[in-house]
Amino acid sequence: MHVQAHTELTEFAELAMPVFAADPVRHTLGLSVLRRYRDAPAEGDRPPVLLTVHDDDQLVGVALRTPWRRRWSAGRPAG
């Protein structure tokens, strides 16, 4: 198992959005943060910490941490 840090929001969102969207109520914070940074990133904003967790080549989780809330939001693929 390994954790991969992402610097590109687009790359991370492609992996994370299906995970968060599978249970949107549980992952409201993750979805909201991704949409905020994707749709209207504020000038001078520090980017969130974006992580994916993989077991071999399979995605087993995603996590993000916002610089302005200091809170983690994590998800696991359905199934």
N, C-alpha and C. Protein backbone atom coordinates (compact mmCIF):
# COMPACT_ATOMS: atom_id res chain seq x y z
N MET A 1 0.85 -1.17 0.00
CA MET A 1 0.00 0.00 0.00
C MET A 1 0.90 1.24 0.00
N HIS A 2 0.51 2.23 -0.79
CA HIS A 2 1.28 3.47 -0.80
C HIS A 2 0.35 4.68 -0.94
N VAL A 3 0.84 5.80 -0.46
CA VAL A 3 0.11 7.07 -0.53
C VAL A 3 0.82 7.95 -1.56
N GLN A 4 0.03 8.55 -2.43
CA GLN A 4 0.58 9.43 -3.45
C GLN A 4 0.05 10.84 -3.23
N ALA A 5 0.95 11.80 -3.13
CA ALA A 5 0.56 13.20 -3.03
C ALA A 5 0.39 13.77 -4.44
N HIS A 6 -0.60 14.62 -4.62
CA HIS A 6 -0.87 15.23 -5.92
C HIS A 6 -0.72 16.74 -5.81
N THR A 7 -0.13 17.33 -6.82
CA THR A 7 -0.02 18.79 -6.88
C THR A 7 -1.00 19.37 -7.88
N GLU A 8 -1.49 18.54 -8.78
CA GLU A 8 -2.45 18.97 -9.79
C GLU A 8 -3.87 18.65 -9.34
N LEU A 9 -4.67 19.67 -9.16
CA LEU A 9 -6.05 19.48 -8.72
C LEU A 9 -6.85 18.65 -9.73
N THR A 10 -6.62 18.89 -11.01
CA THR A 10 -7.37 18.18 -12.05
C THR A 10 -7.12 16.68 -11.96
N GLU A 11 -5.87 16.30 -11.82
CA GLU A 11 -5.51 14.88 -11.71
C GLU A 11 -6.15 14.24 -10.47
N PHE A 12 -6.05 14.93 -9.34
CA PHE A 12 -6.64 14.42 -8.11
C PHE A 12 -8.15 14.33 -8.23
N ALA A 13 -8.78 15.36 -8.79
CA ALA A 13 -10.24 15.37 -8.91
C ALA A 13 -10.76 14.22 -9.76
N GLU A 14 -10.03 13.85 -10.81
CA GLU A 14 -10.44 12.71 -11.64
C GLU A 14 -10.52 11.43 -10.81
N LEU A 15 -9.62 11.28 -9.87
CA LEU A 15 -9.62 10.10 -9.00
C LEU A 15 -10.62 10.24 -7.86
N ALA A 16 -10.68 11.43 -7.27
CA ALA A 16 -11.46 11.62 -6.04
C ALA A 16 -12.95 11.83 -6.26
N MET A 17 -13.32 12.52 -7.32
CA MET A 17 -14.74 12.84 -7.51
C MET A 17 -15.63 11.60 -7.53
N PRO A 18 -15.28 10.53 -8.24
CA PRO A 18 -16.15 9.34 -8.20
C PRO A 18 -16.24 8.74 -6.80
N VAL A 19 -15.17 8.82 -6.04
CA VAL A 19 -15.18 8.29 -4.67
C VAL A 19 -16.11 9.13 -3.80
N PHE A 20 -15.92 10.45 -3.82
CA PHE A 20 -16.76 11.32 -3.01
C PHE A 20 -18.22 11.30 -3.48
N ALA A 21 -18.43 11.26 -4.79
CA ALA A 21 -19.79 11.30 -5.34
C ALA A 21 -20.57 10.02 -5.07
N ALA A 22 -19.88 8.93 -4.79
CA ALA A 22 -20.57 7.67 -4.49
C ALA A 22 -21.39 7.77 -3.21
N ASP A 23 -20.99 8.67 -2.31
CA ASP A 23 -21.73 8.90 -1.07
C ASP A 23 -21.64 10.39 -0.76
N PRO A 24 -22.41 11.22 -1.50
CA PRO A 24 -22.26 12.67 -1.40
C PRO A 24 -22.60 13.26 -0.04
N VAL A 25 -23.48 12.63 0.70
CA VAL A 25 -23.80 13.16 2.02
C VAL A 25 -22.60 12.97 2.96
N ARG A 26 -22.04 11.82 2.93
CA ARG A 26 -20.89 11.51 3.79
C ARG A 26 -19.67 12.35 3.41
N HIS A 27 -19.54 12.65 2.13
CA HIS A 27 -18.35 13.34 1.64
C HIS A 27 -18.64 14.76 1.18
N THR A 28 -19.58 15.42 1.83
CA THR A 28 -19.94 16.79 1.47
C THR A 28 -18.74 17.72 1.50
N LEU A 29 -17.91 17.63 2.53
CA LEU A 29 -16.76 18.51 2.64
C LEU A 29 -15.79 18.29 1.48
N GLY A 30 -15.49 17.05 1.18
CA GLY A 30 -14.57 16.76 0.08
C GLY A 30 -15.08 17.29 -1.25
N LEU A 31 -16.36 17.06 -1.53
CA LEU A 31 -16.95 17.55 -2.77
C LEU A 31 -16.93 19.08 -2.81
N SER A 32 -17.28 19.71 -1.71
CA SER A 32 -17.32 21.17 -1.65
C SER A 32 -15.94 21.79 -1.87
N VAL A 33 -14.94 21.23 -1.24
CA VAL A 33 -13.58 21.77 -1.39
C VAL A 33 -13.09 21.59 -2.82
N LEU A 34 -13.30 20.41 -3.39
CA LEU A 34 -12.87 20.20 -4.77
C LEU A 34 -13.55 21.18 -5.71
N ARG A 35 -14.84 21.38 -5.54
CA ARG A 35 -15.56 22.32 -6.41
C ARG A 35 -15.07 23.75 -6.22
N ARG A 36 -14.84 24.12 -4.97
CA ARG A 36 -14.37 25.48 -4.69
C ARG A 36 -13.04 25.74 -5.37
N TYR A 37 -12.08 24.85 -5.21
CA TYR A 37 -10.77 25.07 -5.81
C TYR A 37 -10.82 24.95 -7.33
N ARG A 38 -11.68 24.10 -7.85
CA ARG A 38 -11.78 23.92 -9.29
C ARG A 38 -12.48 25.12 -9.95
N ASP A 39 -13.58 25.57 -9.35
CA ASP A 39 -14.42 26.59 -9.98
C ASP A 39 -14.00 28.03 -9.69
N ALA A 40 -13.45 28.26 -8.52
CA ALA A 40 -13.13 29.65 -8.15
C ALA A 40 -11.95 29.71 -7.19
N PRO A 41 -10.78 29.30 -7.65
CA PRO A 41 -9.63 29.41 -6.74
C PRO A 41 -9.29 30.87 -6.47
N ALA A 42 -9.19 31.19 -5.21
CA ALA A 42 -8.88 32.59 -4.84
C ALA A 42 -7.39 32.84 -5.01
N GLU A 43 -7.08 34.03 -5.49
CA GLU A 43 -5.69 34.42 -5.65
C GLU A 43 -4.98 34.37 -4.30
N GLY A 44 -3.83 33.78 -4.26
CA GLY A 44 -3.07 33.70 -3.03
C GLY A 44 -3.44 32.53 -2.13
N ASP A 45 -4.49 31.80 -2.48
CA ASP A 45 -4.86 30.61 -1.70
C ASP A 45 -3.74 29.60 -1.74
N ARG A 46 -3.43 29.03 -0.60
CA ARG A 46 -2.54 27.88 -0.60
C ARG A 46 -3.35 26.69 -1.06
N PRO A 47 -2.78 25.80 -1.82
CA PRO A 47 -3.54 24.65 -2.29
C PRO A 47 -3.80 23.67 -1.16
N PRO A 48 -4.84 22.88 -1.29
CA PRO A 48 -5.08 21.85 -0.29
C PRO A 48 -4.06 20.72 -0.46
N VAL A 49 -3.90 19.93 0.59
CA VAL A 49 -3.10 18.71 0.50
C VAL A 49 -3.99 17.66 -0.13
N LEU A 50 -3.52 17.03 -1.20
CA LEU A 50 -4.31 16.08 -1.97
C LEU A 50 -3.60 14.73 -1.99
N LEU A 51 -4.25 13.71 -1.46
CA LEU A 51 -3.62 12.39 -1.35
C LEU A 51 -4.53 11.30 -1.90
N THR A 52 -3.93 10.32 -2.55
CA THR A 52 -4.64 9.10 -2.91
C THR A 52 -3.90 7.93 -2.29
N VAL A 53 -4.65 6.90 -1.92
CA VAL A 53 -4.08 5.71 -1.31
C VAL A 53 -4.33 4.54 -2.26
N HIS A 54 -3.27 3.80 -2.55
CA HIS A 54 -3.35 2.71 -3.52
C HIS A 54 -2.84 1.41 -2.89
N ASP A 55 -3.50 0.33 -3.24
CA ASP A 55 -3.03 -1.01 -2.88
C ASP A 55 -2.72 -1.68 -4.20
N ASP A 56 -1.45 -1.90 -4.48
CA ASP A 56 -0.98 -2.29 -5.80
C ASP A 56 -1.43 -1.19 -6.76
N ASP A 57 -2.21 -1.50 -7.77
CA ASP A 57 -2.67 -0.48 -8.71
C ASP A 57 -4.10 -0.04 -8.45
N GLN A 58 -4.69 -0.53 -7.36
CA GLN A 58 -6.09 -0.23 -7.07
C GLN A 58 -6.20 0.95 -6.10
N LEU A 59 -7.06 1.90 -6.45
CA LEU A 59 -7.34 3.03 -5.56
C LEU A 59 -8.19 2.53 -4.39
N VAL A 60 -7.71 2.76 -3.18
CA VAL A 60 -8.47 2.31 -2.00
C VAL A 60 -8.90 3.47 -1.11
N GLY A 61 -8.47 4.70 -1.43
CA GLY A 61 -8.92 5.84 -0.65
C GLY A 61 -8.37 7.15 -1.19
N VAL A 62 -9.04 8.22 -0.82
CA VAL A 62 -8.60 9.57 -1.17
C VAL A 62 -8.75 10.44 0.07
N ALA A 63 -7.92 11.47 0.16
CA ALA A 63 -8.01 12.38 1.30
C ALA A 63 -7.55 13.76 0.88
N LEU A 64 -8.11 14.77 1.53
CA LEU A 64 -7.64 16.13 1.30
C LEU A 64 -7.71 16.90 2.61
N ARG A 65 -6.84 17.89 2.67
CA ARG A 65 -6.80 18.76 3.85
C ARG A 65 -6.73 20.20 3.36
N THR A 66 -7.65 20.99 3.85
CA THR A 66 -7.69 22.39 3.44
C THR A 66 -6.76 23.22 4.33
N PRO A 67 -6.11 24.22 3.76
CA PRO A 67 -5.25 25.07 4.58
C PRO A 67 -6.05 26.02 5.45
N TRP A 68 -7.28 26.32 5.07
CA TRP A 68 -8.07 27.30 5.80
C TRP A 68 -8.96 26.69 6.86
N ARG A 69 -9.13 25.39 6.88
CA ARG A 69 -9.97 24.77 7.91
C ARG A 69 -9.21 23.77 8.75
N ARG A 70 -8.06 23.36 8.25
CA ARG A 70 -7.25 22.38 8.98
C ARG A 70 -8.03 21.11 9.27
N ARG A 71 -8.81 20.69 8.31
CA ARG A 71 -9.64 19.50 8.50
C ARG A 71 -9.41 18.54 7.35
N TRP A 72 -9.37 17.28 7.68
CA TRP A 72 -9.22 16.24 6.66
C TRP A 72 -10.59 15.74 6.24
N SER A 73 -10.70 15.37 4.99
CA SER A 73 -11.88 14.69 4.49
C SER A 73 -11.37 13.50 3.69
N ALA A 74 -11.89 12.33 3.98
CA ALA A 74 -11.39 11.13 3.33
C ALA A 74 -12.54 10.30 2.79
N GLY A 75 -12.25 9.54 1.77
CA GLY A 75 -13.25 8.67 1.18
C GLY A 75 -12.64 7.37 0.74
N ARG A 76 -13.48 6.40 0.58
CA ARG A 76 -13.06 5.09 0.12
C ARG A 76 -14.00 4.68 -1.01
N PRO A 77 -13.45 4.10 -2.08
CA PRO A 77 -14.32 3.68 -3.18
C PRO A 77 -15.41 2.73 -2.71
N ALA A 78 -16.57 2.87 -3.29
CA ALA A 78 -17.69 1.98 -2.95
C ALA A 78 -17.40 0.57 -3.45
N GLY A 79 -17.92 -0.38 -2.69
CA GLY A 79 -17.79 -1.76 -3.14
C GLY A 79 -16.91 -2.62 -2.33
